[in-house]
Structures are given as C-alpha cells and as structure tokens.
Amino acid sequence: MSRKDDSRFDDNLMSANNPDVKFAVLDGELSSISAEENFPASSRTSIPQLLNSSDLYMTVASKKADAVIQDPYSFADFDTSNPDLLRPAGNKPLRLLAVGFPIPENEPALKSVLDITMSYILDNGFVDNTLKKYEEKARIYRVAKPYASLD
C-alpha cells in the first residue's frame, strides 16, 4: 500500500526496490520479511511488535515511510476508518499465502476427514459463498478446482 497521491509504483511495483524508498515494517513479522526478500535495495522504517498494522499504515500516511506490505483484510479495516489516505500499489498481489491447519503428526484419520470436508465445502460452493459475503473491500483468491465442467 502507498499514499493516495503516490503513483510511483503503479506501473512497476519492482521500482520500489530502490534505496530512496522506505517500507514501514513490523519487527520480525511478514511485512519485514517480504520487504527484505522482495525489495532488498529499499530501506526500512521499523516499528516494534507491541504496535499493530494500523500503526504501519499511519507510518506511511504520515510520510515516515513510502509503502507497506500487508494483507487486503487489514487494509480494508484501516481504510474503512481512514478513507482516502492509502491505496493498493500495483495491480497484482506481491505474495499469495495458502491457509492451512496444523494437526498432530500421527493423525492420518483426522487429516483424511479434514481433506474430505474441505473438498466438499469447496466443491459445493460453501467457501465461495462465504467469501463473497465477507469480502467487501478485500479480494481473496480462490482455489482452482482440480476438474473442469463439461457444460
């Protein structure tokens, strides 16, 4: 995300990989890791983990940093309370992260039940309908179906 009036990264997100660009990052969190891995030449404005993503966004809004890497849902929450300060930079996501569930290592029956249940709710539209219901401002990418309809 960048400030509403900052279009430097619109055509080429990788142009942020520049020492003149500062990323707001939370110490040890994914924003910090992503900035380091994707934009190693850029600089950082780091805030402690006692603060939250709203503080990252305000660091950019107050011009102490130029951009922040965060998920669309936390940005949607921030944008609802602080409209017209920031906007998504670029036109595609920097990273996609899959959602998973930790289960005990020696529980193949539990894993099987979870796999079958997930397949069922994905195939029958429950997940898509639920995401549509709650994704007002944030875009969630859907899992590709492992088959094609003959319709």
N, C-alpha and C. Protein backbone atom coordinates (compact mmCIF):
# COMPACT_ATOMS: atom_id res chain seq x y z
N MET A 1 0.85 -1.15 0.00
CA MET A 1 0.00 0.00 0.00
C MET A 1 0.90 1.23 0.00
N SER A 2 0.42 2.26 -0.65
CA SER A 2 1.14 3.53 -0.66
C SER A 2 0.14 4.65 -0.45
N ARG A 3 0.63 5.87 -0.34
CA ARG A 3 -0.26 7.00 -0.15
C ARG A 3 -1.12 7.22 -1.40
N LYS A 4 -2.29 7.78 -1.22
CA LYS A 4 -3.23 8.02 -2.33
C LYS A 4 -2.58 8.84 -3.43
N ASP A 5 -1.72 9.78 -3.07
CA ASP A 5 -1.13 10.69 -4.05
C ASP A 5 0.22 10.19 -4.60
N ASP A 6 0.61 8.98 -4.28
CA ASP A 6 1.90 8.44 -4.71
C ASP A 6 1.68 7.35 -5.75
N SER A 7 2.01 7.66 -7.00
CA SER A 7 1.79 6.70 -8.10
C SER A 7 3.09 6.11 -8.61
N ARG A 8 4.18 6.25 -7.88
CA ARG A 8 5.49 5.76 -8.35
C ARG A 8 5.51 4.27 -8.65
N PHE A 9 4.70 3.48 -7.97
CA PHE A 9 4.79 2.03 -8.10
C PHE A 9 3.66 1.43 -8.94
N ASP A 10 2.81 2.27 -9.51
CA ASP A 10 1.64 1.78 -10.23
C ASP A 10 1.99 0.91 -11.44
N ASP A 11 2.92 1.36 -12.25
CA ASP A 11 3.27 0.63 -13.47
C ASP A 11 4.31 -0.45 -13.24
N ASN A 12 5.09 -0.32 -12.19
CA ASN A 12 6.16 -1.28 -11.93
C ASN A 12 6.42 -1.35 -10.43
N LEU A 13 5.81 -2.32 -9.79
CA LEU A 13 5.96 -2.48 -8.35
C LEU A 13 7.42 -2.66 -7.95
N MET A 14 8.21 -3.27 -8.84
CA MET A 14 9.62 -3.51 -8.52
C MET A 14 10.45 -2.22 -8.51
N SER A 15 9.86 -1.12 -8.98
CA SER A 15 10.59 0.15 -8.89
C SER A 15 10.75 0.58 -7.43
N ALA A 16 10.04 -0.06 -6.52
CA ALA A 16 10.20 0.21 -5.09
C ALA A 16 11.49 -0.39 -4.55
N ASN A 17 12.15 -1.23 -5.34
CA ASN A 17 13.44 -1.80 -4.92
C ASN A 17 14.53 -0.77 -5.17
N ASN A 18 14.53 0.25 -4.33
CA ASN A 18 15.35 1.42 -4.54
C ASN A 18 15.71 1.98 -3.16
N PRO A 19 16.94 2.39 -2.94
CA PRO A 19 17.32 2.91 -1.62
C PRO A 19 16.53 4.15 -1.19
N ASP A 20 15.94 4.85 -2.16
CA ASP A 20 15.16 6.04 -1.84
C ASP A 20 13.75 5.71 -1.34
N VAL A 21 13.36 4.44 -1.41
CA VAL A 21 12.02 4.02 -0.99
C VAL A 21 12.11 3.38 0.38
N LYS A 22 11.24 3.83 1.29
CA LYS A 22 11.21 3.32 2.66
C LYS A 22 9.94 2.52 2.88
N PHE A 23 10.10 1.30 3.38
CA PHE A 23 8.96 0.45 3.74
C PHE A 23 8.73 0.51 5.25
N ALA A 24 7.48 0.64 5.64
CA ALA A 24 7.11 0.52 7.05
C ALA A 24 7.00 -0.97 7.35
N VAL A 25 7.70 -1.43 8.36
CA VAL A 25 7.69 -2.86 8.70
C VAL A 25 7.51 -3.05 10.20
N LEU A 26 6.93 -4.18 10.56
CA LEU A 26 6.78 -4.58 11.96
C LEU A 26 7.90 -5.58 12.26
N ASP A 27 8.67 -5.33 13.29
CA ASP A 27 9.83 -6.17 13.62
C ASP A 27 9.48 -7.66 13.59
N GLY A 28 10.21 -8.44 12.78
CA GLY A 28 10.09 -9.89 12.77
C GLY A 28 8.82 -10.44 12.14
N GLU A 29 7.97 -9.60 11.61
CA GLU A 29 6.69 -10.02 11.05
C GLU A 29 6.82 -10.15 9.53
N LEU A 30 5.81 -10.70 8.88
CA LEU A 30 5.87 -10.95 7.43
C LEU A 30 6.13 -9.68 6.63
N SER A 31 5.66 -8.52 7.09
CA SER A 31 5.93 -7.28 6.36
C SER A 31 7.43 -7.03 6.26
N SER A 32 8.14 -7.32 7.32
CA SER A 32 9.59 -7.14 7.35
C SER A 32 10.30 -8.16 6.45
N ILE A 33 9.87 -9.41 6.53
CA ILE A 33 10.46 -10.47 5.72
C ILE A 33 10.20 -10.21 4.23
N SER A 34 8.97 -9.84 3.89
CA SER A 34 8.62 -9.57 2.49
C SER A 34 9.40 -8.39 1.93
N ALA A 35 9.52 -7.33 2.72
CA ALA A 35 10.28 -6.16 2.26
C ALA A 35 11.73 -6.54 2.00
N GLU A 36 12.31 -7.32 2.90
CA GLU A 36 13.71 -7.73 2.74
C GLU A 36 13.90 -8.64 1.54
N GLU A 37 13.00 -9.60 1.35
CA GLU A 37 13.15 -10.56 0.25
C GLU A 37 12.80 -9.97 -1.11
N ASN A 38 11.75 -9.15 -1.18
CA ASN A 38 11.28 -8.64 -2.47
C ASN A 38 11.91 -7.30 -2.85
N PHE A 39 12.33 -6.53 -1.86
CA PHE A 39 12.87 -5.19 -2.13
C PHE A 39 14.15 -4.97 -1.32
N PRO A 40 15.17 -5.79 -1.55
CA PRO A 40 16.38 -5.72 -0.71
C PRO A 40 17.13 -4.39 -0.79
N ALA A 41 16.99 -3.67 -1.88
CA ALA A 41 17.71 -2.40 -2.01
C ALA A 41 17.00 -1.25 -1.29
N SER A 42 15.74 -1.45 -0.93
CA SER A 42 14.98 -0.39 -0.26
C SER A 42 15.40 -0.27 1.20
N SER A 43 14.95 0.79 1.84
CA SER A 43 15.24 0.96 3.27
C SER A 43 13.98 0.67 4.08
N ARG A 44 14.10 0.65 5.40
CA ARG A 44 13.00 0.27 6.28
C ARG A 44 12.80 1.29 7.39
N THR A 45 11.56 1.46 7.77
CA THR A 45 11.19 2.16 9.00
C THR A 45 10.50 1.11 9.84
N SER A 46 11.15 0.70 10.90
CA SER A 46 10.67 -0.42 11.70
C SER A 46 9.93 0.06 12.94
N ILE A 47 8.81 -0.63 13.23
CA ILE A 47 8.08 -0.35 14.46
C ILE A 47 8.06 -1.64 15.29
N PRO A 48 7.98 -1.52 16.62
CA PRO A 48 8.02 -2.72 17.47
C PRO A 48 6.74 -3.54 17.38
N GLN A 49 6.83 -4.82 17.75
CA GLN A 49 5.69 -5.72 17.69
C GLN A 49 4.59 -5.37 18.69
N LEU A 50 4.83 -4.47 19.60
CA LEU A 50 3.78 -4.03 20.52
C LEU A 50 2.70 -3.24 19.79
N LEU A 51 3.03 -2.75 18.61
CA LEU A 51 2.08 -1.99 17.81
C LEU A 51 1.41 -2.92 16.81
N ASN A 52 0.52 -2.40 15.96
CA ASN A 52 -0.20 -3.27 15.03
C ASN A 52 -0.19 -2.72 13.61
N SER A 53 -0.92 -3.37 12.72
CA SER A 53 -0.89 -2.98 11.31
C SER A 53 -1.41 -1.57 11.08
N SER A 54 -2.32 -1.09 11.90
CA SER A 54 -2.80 0.30 11.77
C SER A 54 -1.64 1.28 11.92
N ASP A 55 -0.73 0.95 12.82
CA ASP A 55 0.44 1.82 13.02
C ASP A 55 1.35 1.80 11.79
N LEU A 56 1.42 0.65 11.12
CA LEU A 56 2.20 0.59 9.87
C LEU A 56 1.59 1.52 8.82
N TYR A 57 0.27 1.44 8.69
CA TYR A 57 -0.41 2.29 7.70
C TYR A 57 -0.23 3.77 8.04
N MET A 58 -0.31 4.12 9.32
CA MET A 58 -0.15 5.52 9.71
C MET A 58 1.28 6.00 9.49
N THR A 59 2.24 5.09 9.57
CA THR A 59 3.63 5.45 9.27
C THR A 59 3.76 5.88 7.81
N VAL A 60 3.03 5.22 6.93
CA VAL A 60 3.03 5.60 5.51
C VAL A 60 2.22 6.89 5.32
N ALA A 61 1.05 6.95 5.91
CA ALA A 61 0.18 8.13 5.76
C ALA A 61 0.87 9.40 6.25
N SER A 62 1.68 9.28 7.31
CA SER A 62 2.37 10.45 7.86
C SER A 62 3.70 10.73 7.16
N LYS A 63 3.98 10.02 6.09
CA LYS A 63 5.16 10.20 5.24
C LYS A 63 6.49 9.86 5.92
N LYS A 64 6.42 9.01 6.96
CA LYS A 64 7.65 8.50 7.57
C LYS A 64 8.16 7.30 6.78
N ALA A 65 7.30 6.74 5.93
CA ALA A 65 7.65 5.65 5.02
C ALA A 65 6.84 5.85 3.74
N ASP A 66 7.24 5.13 2.69
CA ASP A 66 6.58 5.28 1.39
C ASP A 66 5.57 4.18 1.09
N ALA A 67 5.77 3.02 1.68
CA ALA A 67 4.90 1.88 1.36
C ALA A 67 4.90 0.88 2.52
N VAL A 68 3.90 0.00 2.49
CA VAL A 68 3.81 -1.07 3.47
C VAL A 68 3.26 -2.31 2.76
N ILE A 69 3.74 -3.46 3.17
CA ILE A 69 3.26 -4.73 2.62
C ILE A 69 2.37 -5.36 3.67
N GLN A 70 1.07 -5.46 3.37
CA GLN A 70 0.11 -6.04 4.31
C GLN A 70 -0.98 -6.76 3.54
N ASP A 71 -1.78 -7.51 4.26
CA ASP A 71 -2.87 -8.27 3.65
C ASP A 71 -4.07 -7.37 3.34
N PRO A 72 -4.90 -7.77 2.38
CA PRO A 72 -6.03 -6.92 1.98
C PRO A 72 -7.08 -6.74 3.07
N TYR A 73 -7.24 -7.70 3.97
CA TYR A 73 -8.25 -7.56 5.01
C TYR A 73 -7.87 -6.52 6.05
N SER A 74 -6.62 -6.50 6.49
CA SER A 74 -6.25 -5.47 7.46
C SER A 74 -6.27 -4.10 6.80
N PHE A 75 -5.93 -4.03 5.51
CA PHE A 75 -6.02 -2.75 4.82
C PHE A 75 -7.48 -2.30 4.72
N ALA A 76 -8.39 -3.21 4.40
CA ALA A 76 -9.81 -2.85 4.31
C ALA A 76 -10.32 -2.30 5.63
N ASP A 77 -9.91 -2.90 6.75
CA ASP A 77 -10.30 -2.39 8.07
C ASP A 77 -9.75 -0.98 8.29
N PHE A 78 -8.48 -0.78 7.96
CA PHE A 78 -7.88 0.53 8.12
C PHE A 78 -8.57 1.55 7.22
N ASP A 79 -8.81 1.19 5.98
CA ASP A 79 -9.39 2.10 5.00
C ASP A 79 -10.82 2.51 5.38
N THR A 80 -11.55 1.63 6.03
CA THR A 80 -12.90 1.97 6.48
C THR A 80 -12.87 3.12 7.48
N SER A 81 -11.90 3.09 8.38
CA SER A 81 -11.78 4.14 9.40
C SER A 81 -10.98 5.34 8.94
N ASN A 82 -10.16 5.14 7.90
CA ASN A 82 -9.26 6.19 7.42
C ASN A 82 -9.32 6.28 5.89
N PRO A 83 -10.47 6.61 5.33
CA PRO A 83 -10.59 6.61 3.87
C PRO A 83 -9.71 7.67 3.23
N ASP A 84 -9.30 7.38 2.02
CA ASP A 84 -8.56 8.33 1.18
C ASP A 84 -7.16 8.68 1.66
N LEU A 85 -6.58 7.85 2.54
CA LEU A 85 -5.18 8.07 2.93
C LEU A 85 -4.24 7.21 2.10
N LEU A 86 -4.57 5.92 1.97
CA LEU A 86 -3.70 4.97 1.28
C LEU A 86 -4.47 4.23 0.20
N ARG A 87 -3.71 3.53 -0.64
CA ARG A 87 -4.33 2.71 -1.68
C ARG A 87 -3.39 1.57 -2.02
N PRO A 88 -3.93 0.52 -2.64
CA PRO A 88 -3.04 -0.57 -3.08
C PRO A 88 -2.06 -0.06 -4.13
N ALA A 89 -0.83 -0.51 -4.06
CA ALA A 89 0.18 -0.16 -5.04
C ALA A 89 0.31 -1.30 -6.04
N GLY A 90 0.39 -0.99 -7.30
CA GLY A 90 0.47 -2.04 -8.31
C GLY A 90 -0.90 -2.64 -8.56
N ASN A 91 -0.95 -3.60 -9.47
CA ASN A 91 -2.25 -4.18 -9.82
C ASN A 91 -2.34 -5.68 -9.60
N LYS A 92 -1.34 -6.25 -8.93
CA LYS A 92 -1.43 -7.67 -8.60
C LYS A 92 -0.75 -7.90 -7.25
N PRO A 93 -1.12 -8.99 -6.58
CA PRO A 93 -0.54 -9.22 -5.25
C PRO A 93 0.96 -9.53 -5.32
N LEU A 94 1.66 -9.10 -4.30
CA LEU A 94 3.09 -9.38 -4.20
C LEU A 94 3.32 -10.84 -3.84
N ARG A 95 2.49 -11.37 -2.94
CA ARG A 95 2.59 -12.76 -2.48
C ARG A 95 1.21 -13.33 -2.28
N LEU A 96 1.10 -14.62 -2.48
CA LEU A 96 -0.12 -15.33 -2.15
C LEU A 96 0.24 -16.35 -1.08
N LEU A 97 -0.54 -16.38 -0.01
CA LEU A 97 -0.28 -17.30 1.08
C LEU A 97 -1.46 -18.25 1.24
N ALA A 98 -1.16 -19.51 1.26
CA ALA A 98 -2.21 -20.51 1.46
C ALA A 98 -2.59 -20.57 2.94
N VAL A 99 -3.80 -20.96 3.19
CA VAL A 99 -4.27 -21.14 4.56
C VAL A 99 -4.18 -22.62 4.88
N GLY A 100 -3.74 -22.94 6.07
CA GLY A 100 -3.62 -24.34 6.48
C GLY A 100 -4.01 -24.51 7.93
N PHE A 101 -4.13 -25.75 8.34
CA PHE A 101 -4.50 -26.08 9.70
C PHE A 101 -3.46 -27.03 10.27
N PRO A 102 -2.84 -26.69 11.39
CA PRO A 102 -1.90 -27.64 12.00
C PRO A 102 -2.66 -28.78 12.66
N ILE A 103 -2.19 -29.98 12.44
CA ILE A 103 -2.78 -31.16 13.08
C ILE A 103 -1.64 -32.02 13.62
N PRO A 104 -1.92 -32.86 14.59
CA PRO A 104 -0.86 -33.74 15.12
C PRO A 104 -0.26 -34.60 14.00
N GLU A 105 1.02 -34.84 14.09
CA GLU A 105 1.76 -35.56 13.05
C GLU A 105 1.23 -36.97 12.79
N ASN A 106 0.86 -37.68 13.81
CA ASN A 106 0.43 -39.07 13.64
C ASN A 106 -1.09 -39.22 13.68
N GLU A 107 -1.79 -38.39 12.92
CA GLU A 107 -3.25 -38.41 12.88
C GLU A 107 -3.76 -38.52 11.44
N PRO A 108 -3.44 -39.59 10.72
CA PRO A 108 -3.88 -39.70 9.32
C PRO A 108 -5.40 -39.73 9.18
N ALA A 109 -6.11 -40.27 10.15
CA ALA A 109 -7.58 -40.31 10.06
C ALA A 109 -8.14 -38.89 10.16
N LEU A 110 -7.60 -38.08 11.06
CA LEU A 110 -8.05 -36.69 11.18
C LEU A 110 -7.74 -35.91 9.91
N LYS A 111 -6.55 -36.11 9.37
CA LYS A 111 -6.18 -35.43 8.12
C LYS A 111 -7.13 -35.82 6.99
N SER A 112 -7.46 -37.08 6.91
CA SER A 112 -8.38 -37.55 5.88
C SER A 112 -9.76 -36.91 6.02
N VAL A 113 -10.28 -36.84 7.25
CA VAL A 113 -11.57 -36.21 7.48
C VAL A 113 -11.54 -34.73 7.09
N LEU A 114 -10.48 -34.04 7.48
CA LEU A 114 -10.35 -32.62 7.14
C LEU A 114 -10.23 -32.42 5.63
N ASP A 115 -9.45 -33.25 4.95
CA ASP A 115 -9.30 -33.16 3.50
C ASP A 115 -10.63 -33.37 2.78
N ILE A 116 -11.37 -34.39 3.20
CA ILE A 116 -12.66 -34.68 2.56
C ILE A 116 -13.65 -33.54 2.83
N THR A 117 -13.68 -33.05 4.04
CA THR A 117 -14.58 -31.95 4.39
C THR A 117 -14.24 -30.69 3.60
N MET A 118 -12.96 -30.36 3.51
CA MET A 118 -12.54 -29.19 2.74
C MET A 118 -12.92 -29.34 1.27
N SER A 119 -12.69 -30.51 0.71
CA SER A 119 -13.08 -30.74 -0.69
C SER A 119 -14.58 -30.55 -0.87
N TYR A 120 -15.35 -31.07 0.06
CA TYR A 120 -16.81 -30.97 -0.02
C TYR A 120 -17.27 -29.51 0.01
N ILE A 121 -16.77 -28.74 0.97
CA ILE A 121 -17.26 -27.36 1.08
C ILE A 121 -16.71 -26.47 -0.04
N LEU A 122 -15.56 -26.82 -0.61
CA LEU A 122 -15.06 -26.10 -1.78
C LEU A 122 -15.90 -26.44 -3.02
N ASP A 123 -16.11 -27.74 -3.26
CA ASP A 123 -16.83 -28.19 -4.46
C ASP A 123 -18.29 -27.78 -4.48
N ASN A 124 -18.90 -27.64 -3.32
CA ASN A 124 -20.33 -27.32 -3.26
C ASN A 124 -20.63 -25.84 -3.07
N GLY A 125 -19.60 -24.98 -3.17
CA GLY A 125 -19.81 -23.54 -3.18
C GLY A 125 -19.89 -22.87 -1.82
N PHE A 126 -19.81 -23.63 -0.73
CA PHE A 126 -19.91 -23.01 0.59
C PHE A 126 -18.80 -21.99 0.82
N VAL A 127 -17.56 -22.34 0.49
CA VAL A 127 -16.43 -21.44 0.72
C VAL A 127 -16.58 -20.19 -0.13
N ASP A 128 -16.90 -20.36 -1.42
CA ASP A 128 -17.04 -19.21 -2.31
C ASP A 128 -18.17 -18.28 -1.84
N ASN A 129 -19.31 -18.84 -1.46
CA ASN A 129 -20.43 -18.03 -0.99
C ASN A 129 -20.08 -17.29 0.30
N THR A 130 -19.36 -17.95 1.19
CA THR A 130 -18.96 -17.31 2.45
C THR A 130 -17.98 -16.17 2.17
N LEU A 131 -17.01 -16.40 1.29
CA LEU A 131 -16.05 -15.35 0.95
C LEU A 131 -16.75 -14.16 0.30
N LYS A 132 -17.68 -14.42 -0.61
CA LYS A 132 -18.42 -13.34 -1.26
C LYS A 132 -19.17 -12.50 -0.22
N LYS A 133 -19.69 -13.14 0.78
CA LYS A 133 -20.46 -12.46 1.82
C LYS A 133 -19.61 -11.47 2.61
N TYR A 134 -18.33 -11.82 2.84
CA TYR A 134 -17.49 -11.02 3.73
C TYR A 134 -16.38 -10.24 3.04
N GLU A 135 -16.20 -10.37 1.75
CA GLU A 135 -15.05 -9.72 1.12
C GLU A 135 -15.39 -8.39 0.47
N GLU A 136 -16.06 -7.52 1.17
CA GLU A 136 -16.49 -6.25 0.61
C GLU A 136 -15.37 -5.49 -0.08
N LYS A 137 -14.25 -5.27 0.60
CA LYS A 137 -13.16 -4.48 0.03
C LYS A 137 -11.93 -5.31 -0.31
N ALA A 138 -11.78 -6.44 0.32
CA ALA A 138 -10.58 -7.25 0.13
C ALA A 138 -10.86 -8.36 -0.87
N ARG A 139 -9.88 -8.67 -1.69
CA ARG A 139 -10.04 -9.73 -2.68
C ARG A 139 -9.30 -10.97 -2.21
N ILE A 140 -10.02 -12.06 -2.17
CA ILE A 140 -9.42 -13.34 -1.80
C ILE A 140 -9.38 -14.21 -3.04
N TYR A 141 -8.22 -14.75 -3.34
CA TYR A 141 -8.08 -15.62 -4.49
C TYR A 141 -8.63 -17.00 -4.17
N ARG A 142 -9.34 -17.56 -5.10
CA ARG A 142 -9.97 -18.86 -4.90
C ARG A 142 -9.03 -19.99 -5.30
N VAL A 143 -9.25 -21.15 -4.69
CA VAL A 143 -8.50 -22.35 -5.03
C VAL A 143 -9.04 -22.84 -6.37
N ALA A 144 -8.15 -23.16 -7.30
CA ALA A 144 -8.58 -23.69 -8.59
C ALA A 144 -9.15 -25.09 -8.40
N LYS A 145 -10.25 -25.35 -9.08
CA LYS A 145 -10.86 -26.69 -8.98
C LYS A 145 -9.99 -27.68 -9.76
N PRO A 146 -9.86 -28.90 -9.24
CA PRO A 146 -8.99 -29.89 -9.89
C PRO A 146 -9.68 -30.60 -11.07
N TYR A 147 -10.77 -30.01 -11.56
CA TYR A 147 -11.51 -30.62 -12.67
C TYR A 147 -12.19 -29.51 -13.47
N ALA A 148 -12.65 -29.81 -14.65
CA ALA A 148 -13.38 -28.85 -15.49
C ALA A 148 -14.77 -29.42 -15.79
N SER A 149 -15.74 -28.55 -15.76
CA SER A 149 -17.11 -28.94 -16.07
C SER A 149 -17.26 -29.10 -17.58
N LEU A 150 -18.08 -30.04 -17.99
CA LEU A 150 -18.31 -30.25 -19.42
C LEU A 150 -19.46 -29.41 -19.96
N ASP A 151 -20.04 -28.56 -19.13
CA ASP A 151 -21.15 -27.69 -19.55
C ASP A 151 -20.73 -26.67 -20.55
